[in-house]
Amino acid sequence: MRISIASDHAGFEQKEQLKVYLEGQGYGVVDRGPQSDDRVDYPDFAQLVADDIAKGQADIGVLVCGTGIGMAIAANKIHGVRAANVINVEFAKLAREHNDANVVTISGRFVDLDTNKRILDAFIGEPFGEGRHAGRVEKIMALES
């Protein structure tokens, strides 16, 4: 599995730690930046990860900012992306199972590192539920037309 990851300055520290964690789990990880905790604009980095998803260059996207909210809003502007802002393990599972989310956005300021690791494990490990959810996801994707 290929994972594209990025952050803004508020999420930089956790992004760096989560990148190492994911690589340790055996995933191929592409770091889309930034390379320091200097102030940056989060939409620039959300777009890089979202483009990787849209172009099929990554299977899962991970975005870390102060809350995860701005990253989710920005990533969802890219055709084919279903980004979910997740604050706990249950939300991670449901985002995948019910919505076939392909990008997870997480908080580097309000959620601790261990919880974010568990969120990523749940998000990556949970399959799409198909069935009744498939038609709903198709309707979501049709909104892009």
N, C-alpha and C. Protein backbone atom coordinates (compact mmCIF):
# COMPACT_ATOMS: atom_id res chain seq x y z
N MET A 1 0.84 -1.18 0.00
CA MET A 1 0.00 0.00 0.00
C MET A 1 0.88 1.24 0.00
N ARG A 2 0.48 2.20 -0.81
CA ARG A 2 1.21 3.47 -0.91
C ARG A 2 0.42 4.56 -0.18
N ILE A 3 1.12 5.29 0.65
CA ILE A 3 0.50 6.36 1.44
C ILE A 3 1.20 7.67 1.14
N SER A 4 0.40 8.69 0.82
CA SER A 4 0.92 10.04 0.62
C SER A 4 0.58 10.84 1.87
N ILE A 5 1.56 11.54 2.42
CA ILE A 5 1.38 12.27 3.67
C ILE A 5 1.92 13.68 3.55
N ALA A 6 1.24 14.62 4.22
CA ALA A 6 1.71 16.00 4.27
C ALA A 6 1.09 16.67 5.49
N SER A 7 1.56 17.87 5.76
CA SER A 7 1.06 18.63 6.91
C SER A 7 1.19 20.11 6.61
N ASP A 8 0.81 20.89 7.59
CA ASP A 8 1.20 22.30 7.61
C ASP A 8 2.15 22.44 8.79
N HIS A 9 2.47 23.67 9.17
CA HIS A 9 3.42 23.88 10.26
C HIS A 9 2.88 23.34 11.59
N ALA A 10 1.57 23.43 11.82
CA ALA A 10 0.98 22.96 13.08
C ALA A 10 1.01 21.44 13.20
N GLY A 11 1.00 20.76 12.08
CA GLY A 11 1.01 19.30 12.10
C GLY A 11 2.35 18.68 11.78
N PHE A 12 3.36 19.53 11.57
CA PHE A 12 4.65 19.03 11.11
C PHE A 12 5.27 17.98 12.04
N GLU A 13 5.30 18.27 13.33
CA GLU A 13 5.95 17.34 14.27
C GLU A 13 5.29 15.96 14.22
N GLN A 14 3.97 15.93 14.27
CA GLN A 14 3.29 14.63 14.22
C GLN A 14 3.45 13.97 12.85
N LYS A 15 3.44 14.76 11.78
CA LYS A 15 3.63 14.17 10.45
C LYS A 15 4.95 13.42 10.39
N GLU A 16 5.98 14.03 10.91
CA GLU A 16 7.29 13.39 10.88
C GLU A 16 7.28 12.07 11.66
N GLN A 17 6.64 12.07 12.81
CA GLN A 17 6.57 10.86 13.63
C GLN A 17 5.66 9.80 13.01
N LEU A 18 4.56 10.23 12.43
CA LEU A 18 3.63 9.29 11.80
C LEU A 18 4.23 8.68 10.54
N LYS A 19 5.03 9.44 9.83
CA LYS A 19 5.72 8.92 8.65
C LYS A 19 6.63 7.75 9.05
N VAL A 20 7.40 7.94 10.09
CA VAL A 20 8.29 6.88 10.58
C VAL A 20 7.46 5.68 11.04
N TYR A 21 6.37 5.94 11.74
CA TYR A 21 5.50 4.87 12.22
C TYR A 21 4.95 4.06 11.05
N LEU A 22 4.44 4.73 10.03
CA LEU A 22 3.86 4.03 8.88
C LEU A 22 4.92 3.24 8.11
N GLU A 23 6.08 3.81 7.94
CA GLU A 23 7.17 3.08 7.28
C GLU A 23 7.54 1.84 8.08
N GLY A 24 7.53 1.95 9.40
CA GLY A 24 7.79 0.81 10.27
C GLY A 24 6.74 -0.28 10.16
N GLN A 25 5.55 0.08 9.72
CA GLN A 25 4.48 -0.89 9.51
C GLN A 25 4.59 -1.54 8.12
N GLY A 26 5.58 -1.10 7.34
CA GLY A 26 5.82 -1.70 6.03
C GLY A 26 5.16 -1.00 4.86
N TYR A 27 4.58 0.18 5.09
CA TYR A 27 3.93 0.92 4.01
C TYR A 27 4.95 1.76 3.25
N GLY A 28 4.71 1.92 1.97
CA GLY A 28 5.48 2.86 1.18
C GLY A 28 4.90 4.25 1.42
N VAL A 29 5.71 5.16 1.90
CA VAL A 29 5.23 6.49 2.27
C VAL A 29 5.93 7.55 1.44
N VAL A 30 5.12 8.42 0.83
CA VAL A 30 5.65 9.56 0.10
C VAL A 30 5.34 10.81 0.92
N ASP A 31 6.39 11.51 1.32
CA ASP A 31 6.25 12.73 2.13
C ASP A 31 6.16 13.92 1.18
N ARG A 32 4.99 14.57 1.16
CA ARG A 32 4.76 15.73 0.30
C ARG A 32 5.06 17.06 0.99
N GLY A 33 5.66 16.98 2.18
CA GLY A 33 6.10 18.19 2.84
C GLY A 33 5.15 18.66 3.92
N PRO A 34 5.54 19.76 4.51
CA PRO A 34 6.76 20.55 4.31
C PRO A 34 7.96 19.86 4.98
N GLN A 35 9.10 20.46 4.83
CA GLN A 35 10.33 19.88 5.37
C GLN A 35 10.78 20.53 6.67
N SER A 36 9.97 21.47 7.16
CA SER A 36 10.26 22.13 8.45
C SER A 36 8.94 22.62 9.02
N ASP A 37 9.02 23.15 10.23
CA ASP A 37 7.80 23.68 10.86
C ASP A 37 7.63 25.19 10.62
N ASP A 38 8.33 25.70 9.59
CA ASP A 38 8.11 27.09 9.20
C ASP A 38 6.68 27.25 8.70
N ARG A 39 6.11 28.44 8.90
CA ARG A 39 4.74 28.70 8.51
C ARG A 39 4.52 28.44 7.02
N VAL A 40 3.46 27.69 6.71
CA VAL A 40 3.07 27.40 5.33
C VAL A 40 1.55 27.50 5.22
N ASP A 41 1.05 27.47 4.00
CA ASP A 41 -0.39 27.48 3.75
C ASP A 41 -0.86 26.05 3.50
N TYR A 42 -1.75 25.56 4.37
CA TYR A 42 -2.17 24.16 4.29
C TYR A 42 -2.82 23.75 2.97
N PRO A 43 -3.55 24.64 2.25
CA PRO A 43 -4.14 24.17 0.99
C PRO A 43 -3.10 23.67 -0.02
N ASP A 44 -1.91 24.25 0.01
CA ASP A 44 -0.86 23.83 -0.93
C ASP A 44 -0.49 22.37 -0.71
N PHE A 45 -0.43 21.95 0.54
CA PHE A 45 -0.02 20.58 0.86
C PHE A 45 -1.18 19.61 0.77
N ALA A 46 -2.38 20.08 1.07
CA ALA A 46 -3.57 19.24 0.88
C ALA A 46 -3.71 18.88 -0.59
N GLN A 47 -3.45 19.84 -1.46
CA GLN A 47 -3.56 19.59 -2.89
C GLN A 47 -2.56 18.54 -3.36
N LEU A 48 -1.35 18.59 -2.86
CA LEU A 48 -0.34 17.61 -3.28
C LEU A 48 -0.77 16.18 -2.95
N VAL A 49 -1.26 15.98 -1.74
CA VAL A 49 -1.71 14.63 -1.34
C VAL A 49 -2.96 14.25 -2.11
N ALA A 50 -3.91 15.16 -2.22
CA ALA A 50 -5.15 14.87 -2.94
C ALA A 50 -4.87 14.53 -4.40
N ASP A 51 -3.94 15.23 -5.02
CA ASP A 51 -3.56 14.92 -6.40
C ASP A 51 -2.98 13.51 -6.51
N ASP A 52 -2.19 13.10 -5.52
CA ASP A 52 -1.65 11.73 -5.53
C ASP A 52 -2.78 10.71 -5.52
N ILE A 53 -3.80 10.97 -4.73
CA ILE A 53 -4.96 10.06 -4.67
C ILE A 53 -5.71 10.09 -6.01
N ALA A 54 -6.01 11.27 -6.50
CA ALA A 54 -6.78 11.42 -7.73
C ALA A 54 -6.08 10.78 -8.93
N LYS A 55 -4.77 10.82 -8.95
CA LYS A 55 -4.00 10.27 -10.07
C LYS A 55 -3.62 8.81 -9.88
N GLY A 56 -4.04 8.22 -8.74
CA GLY A 56 -3.73 6.82 -8.48
C GLY A 56 -2.30 6.56 -8.07
N GLN A 57 -1.59 7.60 -7.65
CA GLN A 57 -0.20 7.45 -7.24
C GLN A 57 -0.08 7.06 -5.76
N ALA A 58 -1.21 7.08 -5.05
CA ALA A 58 -1.25 6.64 -3.65
C ALA A 58 -2.62 6.03 -3.40
N ASP A 59 -2.65 5.09 -2.46
CA ASP A 59 -3.90 4.42 -2.10
C ASP A 59 -4.64 5.17 -1.00
N ILE A 60 -3.87 5.75 -0.09
CA ILE A 60 -4.41 6.46 1.07
C ILE A 60 -3.65 7.76 1.23
N GLY A 61 -4.37 8.82 1.59
CA GLY A 61 -3.74 10.09 1.89
C GLY A 61 -3.89 10.40 3.37
N VAL A 62 -2.86 11.01 3.94
CA VAL A 62 -2.87 11.43 5.35
C VAL A 62 -2.45 12.89 5.40
N LEU A 63 -3.29 13.71 6.01
CA LEU A 63 -3.00 15.13 6.15
C LEU A 63 -3.11 15.53 7.61
N VAL A 64 -2.12 16.27 8.10
CA VAL A 64 -2.07 16.67 9.49
C VAL A 64 -1.95 18.19 9.57
N CYS A 65 -2.91 18.82 10.23
CA CYS A 65 -2.79 20.26 10.51
C CYS A 65 -3.25 20.48 11.94
N GLY A 66 -3.48 21.73 12.32
CA GLY A 66 -3.87 22.01 13.70
C GLY A 66 -5.10 21.24 14.12
N THR A 67 -6.15 21.30 13.29
CA THR A 67 -7.40 20.59 13.61
C THR A 67 -7.71 19.47 12.62
N GLY A 68 -7.20 19.55 11.42
CA GLY A 68 -7.56 18.63 10.34
C GLY A 68 -8.70 19.16 9.50
N ILE A 69 -9.40 20.16 9.99
CA ILE A 69 -10.59 20.67 9.31
C ILE A 69 -10.24 21.35 7.98
N GLY A 70 -9.31 22.28 8.02
CA GLY A 70 -8.94 23.00 6.81
C GLY A 70 -8.39 22.08 5.74
N MET A 71 -7.59 21.11 6.16
CA MET A 71 -7.04 20.14 5.21
C MET A 71 -8.15 19.35 4.54
N ALA A 72 -9.16 18.95 5.30
CA ALA A 72 -10.28 18.18 4.72
C ALA A 72 -11.03 19.02 3.70
N ILE A 73 -11.30 20.26 4.05
CA ILE A 73 -12.03 21.13 3.13
C ILE A 73 -11.24 21.29 1.83
N ALA A 74 -9.95 21.55 1.94
CA ALA A 74 -9.12 21.75 0.76
C ALA A 74 -9.01 20.46 -0.07
N ALA A 75 -8.74 19.34 0.56
CA ALA A 75 -8.56 18.08 -0.17
C ALA A 75 -9.83 17.68 -0.91
N ASN A 76 -10.97 17.95 -0.31
CA ASN A 76 -12.24 17.57 -0.93
C ASN A 76 -12.57 18.37 -2.18
N LYS A 77 -11.80 19.39 -2.49
CA LYS A 77 -11.99 20.16 -3.72
C LYS A 77 -11.42 19.43 -4.94
N ILE A 78 -10.61 18.40 -4.70
CA ILE A 78 -9.98 17.66 -5.79
C ILE A 78 -10.88 16.50 -6.21
N HIS A 79 -11.16 16.43 -7.50
CA HIS A 79 -12.02 15.39 -8.05
C HIS A 79 -11.53 14.00 -7.66
N GLY A 80 -12.44 13.19 -7.12
CA GLY A 80 -12.11 11.81 -6.76
C GLY A 80 -11.67 11.62 -5.32
N VAL A 81 -11.55 12.70 -4.58
CA VAL A 81 -11.09 12.61 -3.19
C VAL A 81 -12.29 12.63 -2.26
N ARG A 82 -12.24 11.73 -1.27
CA ARG A 82 -13.21 11.70 -0.19
C ARG A 82 -12.42 11.78 1.11
N ALA A 83 -12.20 13.01 1.56
CA ALA A 83 -11.40 13.25 2.76
C ALA A 83 -12.32 13.37 3.97
N ALA A 84 -11.92 12.73 5.06
CA ALA A 84 -12.69 12.79 6.31
C ALA A 84 -11.79 13.29 7.42
N ASN A 85 -12.28 14.28 8.14
CA ASN A 85 -11.59 14.77 9.33
C ASN A 85 -11.96 13.83 10.49
N VAL A 86 -10.96 13.20 11.06
CA VAL A 86 -11.19 12.14 12.04
C VAL A 86 -10.52 12.48 13.36
N ILE A 87 -11.28 12.31 14.44
CA ILE A 87 -10.74 12.61 15.77
C ILE A 87 -10.68 11.41 16.70
N ASN A 88 -11.21 10.25 16.24
CA ASN A 88 -11.12 9.05 17.07
C ASN A 88 -11.16 7.80 16.19
N VAL A 89 -10.88 6.68 16.78
CA VAL A 89 -10.79 5.42 16.05
C VAL A 89 -12.12 5.04 15.41
N GLU A 90 -13.22 5.21 16.12
CA GLU A 90 -14.52 4.85 15.58
C GLU A 90 -14.85 5.66 14.33
N PHE A 91 -14.57 6.96 14.35
CA PHE A 91 -14.80 7.79 13.17
C PHE A 91 -13.95 7.30 11.99
N ALA A 92 -12.71 6.87 12.28
CA ALA A 92 -11.83 6.37 11.22
C ALA A 92 -12.44 5.14 10.55
N LYS A 93 -12.91 4.22 11.36
CA LYS A 93 -13.53 3.00 10.81
C LYS A 93 -14.76 3.34 9.99
N LEU A 94 -15.61 4.21 10.51
CA LEU A 94 -16.85 4.56 9.82
C LEU A 94 -16.58 5.34 8.53
N ALA A 95 -15.57 6.19 8.54
CA ALA A 95 -15.23 6.93 7.32
C ALA A 95 -14.87 5.99 6.19
N ARG A 96 -14.17 4.93 6.51
CA ARG A 96 -13.79 3.94 5.50
C ARG A 96 -14.97 3.03 5.16
N GLU A 97 -15.61 2.47 6.19
CA GLU A 97 -16.67 1.49 5.96
C GLU A 97 -17.88 2.10 5.25
N HIS A 98 -18.32 3.26 5.68
CA HIS A 98 -19.54 3.87 5.13
C HIS A 98 -19.29 4.79 3.94
N ASN A 99 -18.16 5.50 3.94
CA ASN A 99 -17.94 6.54 2.93
C ASN A 99 -16.80 6.24 1.96
N ASP A 100 -16.12 5.13 2.15
CA ASP A 100 -14.98 4.77 1.31
C ASP A 100 -14.00 5.94 1.22
N ALA A 101 -13.79 6.62 2.36
CA ALA A 101 -12.86 7.74 2.41
C ALA A 101 -11.48 7.27 1.98
N ASN A 102 -10.79 8.11 1.20
CA ASN A 102 -9.45 7.76 0.74
C ASN A 102 -8.38 8.71 1.27
N VAL A 103 -8.80 9.72 2.01
CA VAL A 103 -7.88 10.63 2.68
C VAL A 103 -8.38 10.83 4.11
N VAL A 104 -7.49 10.74 5.06
CA VAL A 104 -7.83 11.02 6.45
C VAL A 104 -7.09 12.29 6.86
N THR A 105 -7.82 13.21 7.48
CA THR A 105 -7.18 14.42 8.01
C THR A 105 -7.28 14.36 9.52
N ILE A 106 -6.18 14.68 10.16
CA ILE A 106 -6.10 14.54 11.62
C ILE A 106 -5.51 15.79 12.24
N SER A 107 -5.76 15.92 13.54
CA SER A 107 -5.32 17.08 14.30
C SER A 107 -3.97 16.83 14.96
N GLY A 108 -3.03 17.71 14.68
CA GLY A 108 -1.73 17.64 15.34
C GLY A 108 -1.68 18.44 16.63
N ARG A 109 -2.71 19.22 16.91
CA ARG A 109 -2.75 20.04 18.12
C ARG A 109 -3.67 19.50 19.20
N PHE A 110 -4.78 18.88 18.81
CA PHE A 110 -5.81 18.50 19.79
C PHE A 110 -5.95 17.00 19.98
N VAL A 111 -5.22 16.22 19.19
CA VAL A 111 -5.23 14.77 19.32
C VAL A 111 -3.79 14.31 19.49
N ASP A 112 -3.56 13.50 20.52
CA ASP A 112 -2.19 13.06 20.81
C ASP A 112 -1.69 12.05 19.78
N LEU A 113 -0.38 11.88 19.74
CA LEU A 113 0.27 11.03 18.75
C LEU A 113 -0.21 9.59 18.82
N ASP A 114 -0.32 9.02 20.00
CA ASP A 114 -0.74 7.63 20.12
C ASP A 114 -2.15 7.43 19.57
N THR A 115 -3.04 8.36 19.85
CA THR A 115 -4.40 8.26 19.30
C THR A 115 -4.36 8.37 17.79
N ASN A 116 -3.56 9.28 17.26
CA ASN A 116 -3.46 9.41 15.81
C ASN A 116 -2.88 8.16 15.16
N LYS A 117 -1.98 7.48 15.83
CA LYS A 117 -1.47 6.21 15.31
C LYS A 117 -2.61 5.18 15.23
N ARG A 118 -3.41 5.11 16.27
CA ARG A 118 -4.55 4.18 16.28
C ARG A 118 -5.57 4.57 15.21
N ILE A 119 -5.77 5.86 15.02
CA ILE A 119 -6.67 6.33 13.96
C ILE A 119 -6.16 5.86 12.60
N LEU A 120 -4.88 6.02 12.34
CA LEU A 120 -4.33 5.58 11.05
C LEU A 120 -4.44 4.07 10.88
N ASP A 121 -4.16 3.32 11.93
CA ASP A 121 -4.30 1.87 11.85
C ASP A 121 -5.73 1.48 11.48
N ALA A 122 -6.69 2.12 12.14
CA ALA A 122 -8.11 1.81 11.87
C ALA A 122 -8.50 2.23 10.47
N PHE A 123 -8.09 3.41 10.06
CA PHE A 123 -8.44 3.93 8.74
C PHE A 123 -7.88 3.04 7.63
N ILE A 124 -6.62 2.68 7.76
CA ILE A 124 -5.96 1.86 6.74
C ILE A 124 -6.53 0.45 6.74
N GLY A 125 -6.84 -0.08 7.90
CA GLY A 125 -7.26 -1.47 8.02
C GLY A 125 -8.72 -1.75 7.76
N GLU A 126 -9.55 -0.73 7.77
CA GLU A 126 -11.00 -0.95 7.61
C GLU A 126 -11.37 -0.97 6.13
N PRO A 127 -12.01 -2.03 5.66
CA PRO A 127 -12.44 -2.06 4.26
C PRO A 127 -13.75 -1.30 4.05
N PHE A 128 -13.99 -0.92 2.83
CA PHE A 128 -15.25 -0.30 2.46
C PHE A 128 -16.36 -1.35 2.62
N GLY A 129 -17.47 -0.95 3.20
CA GLY A 129 -18.56 -1.87 3.48
C GLY A 129 -19.38 -2.31 2.29
N GLU A 130 -19.21 -1.63 1.14
CA GLU A 130 -19.98 -1.96 -0.06
C GLU A 130 -21.48 -1.94 0.25
N GLY A 131 -22.23 -2.87 -0.29
CA GLY A 131 -23.66 -2.99 -0.02
C GLY A 131 -24.41 -1.68 -0.11
N ARG A 132 -25.18 -1.40 0.92
CA ARG A 132 -26.02 -0.20 0.91
C ARG A 132 -25.21 1.09 0.84
N HIS A 133 -23.95 1.01 1.25
CA HIS A 133 -23.10 2.21 1.23
C HIS A 133 -22.63 2.57 -0.17
N ALA A 134 -22.53 1.59 -1.05
CA ALA A 134 -21.99 1.83 -2.39
C ALA A 134 -22.83 2.85 -3.16
N GLY A 135 -24.13 2.72 -3.09
CA GLY A 135 -25.00 3.67 -3.80
C GLY A 135 -24.88 5.07 -3.26
N ARG A 136 -24.67 5.19 -1.97
CA ARG A 136 -24.51 6.51 -1.35
C ARG A 136 -23.20 7.15 -1.80
N VAL A 137 -22.14 6.36 -1.84
CA VAL A 137 -20.85 6.90 -2.28
C VAL A 137 -20.95 7.30 -3.76
N GLU A 138 -21.66 6.52 -4.57
CA GLU A 138 -21.86 6.89 -5.97
C GLU A 138 -22.58 8.23 -6.07
N LYS A 139 -23.56 8.46 -5.22
CA LYS A 139 -24.27 9.74 -5.23
C LYS A 139 -23.35 10.88 -4.82
N ILE A 140 -22.49 10.63 -3.85
CA ILE A 140 -21.52 11.66 -3.44
C ILE A 140 -20.62 12.00 -4.62
N MET A 141 -20.10 10.98 -5.29
CA MET A 141 -19.18 11.21 -6.39
C MET A 141 -19.89 11.89 -7.56
N ALA A 142 -21.17 11.64 -7.74
CA ALA A 142 -21.92 12.28 -8.82
C ALA A 142 -22.05 13.77 -8.60
N LEU A 143 -21.92 14.23 -7.38
CA LEU A 143 -21.97 15.66 -7.09
C LEU A 143 -20.82 16.43 -7.73
N GLU A 144 -19.75 15.73 -8.06
CA GLU A 144 -18.59 16.36 -8.70
C GLU A 144 -18.85 16.70 -10.16
N SER A 145 -19.86 16.11 -10.76
CA SER A 145 -20.14 16.31 -12.18
C SER A 145 -20.68 17.68 -12.47
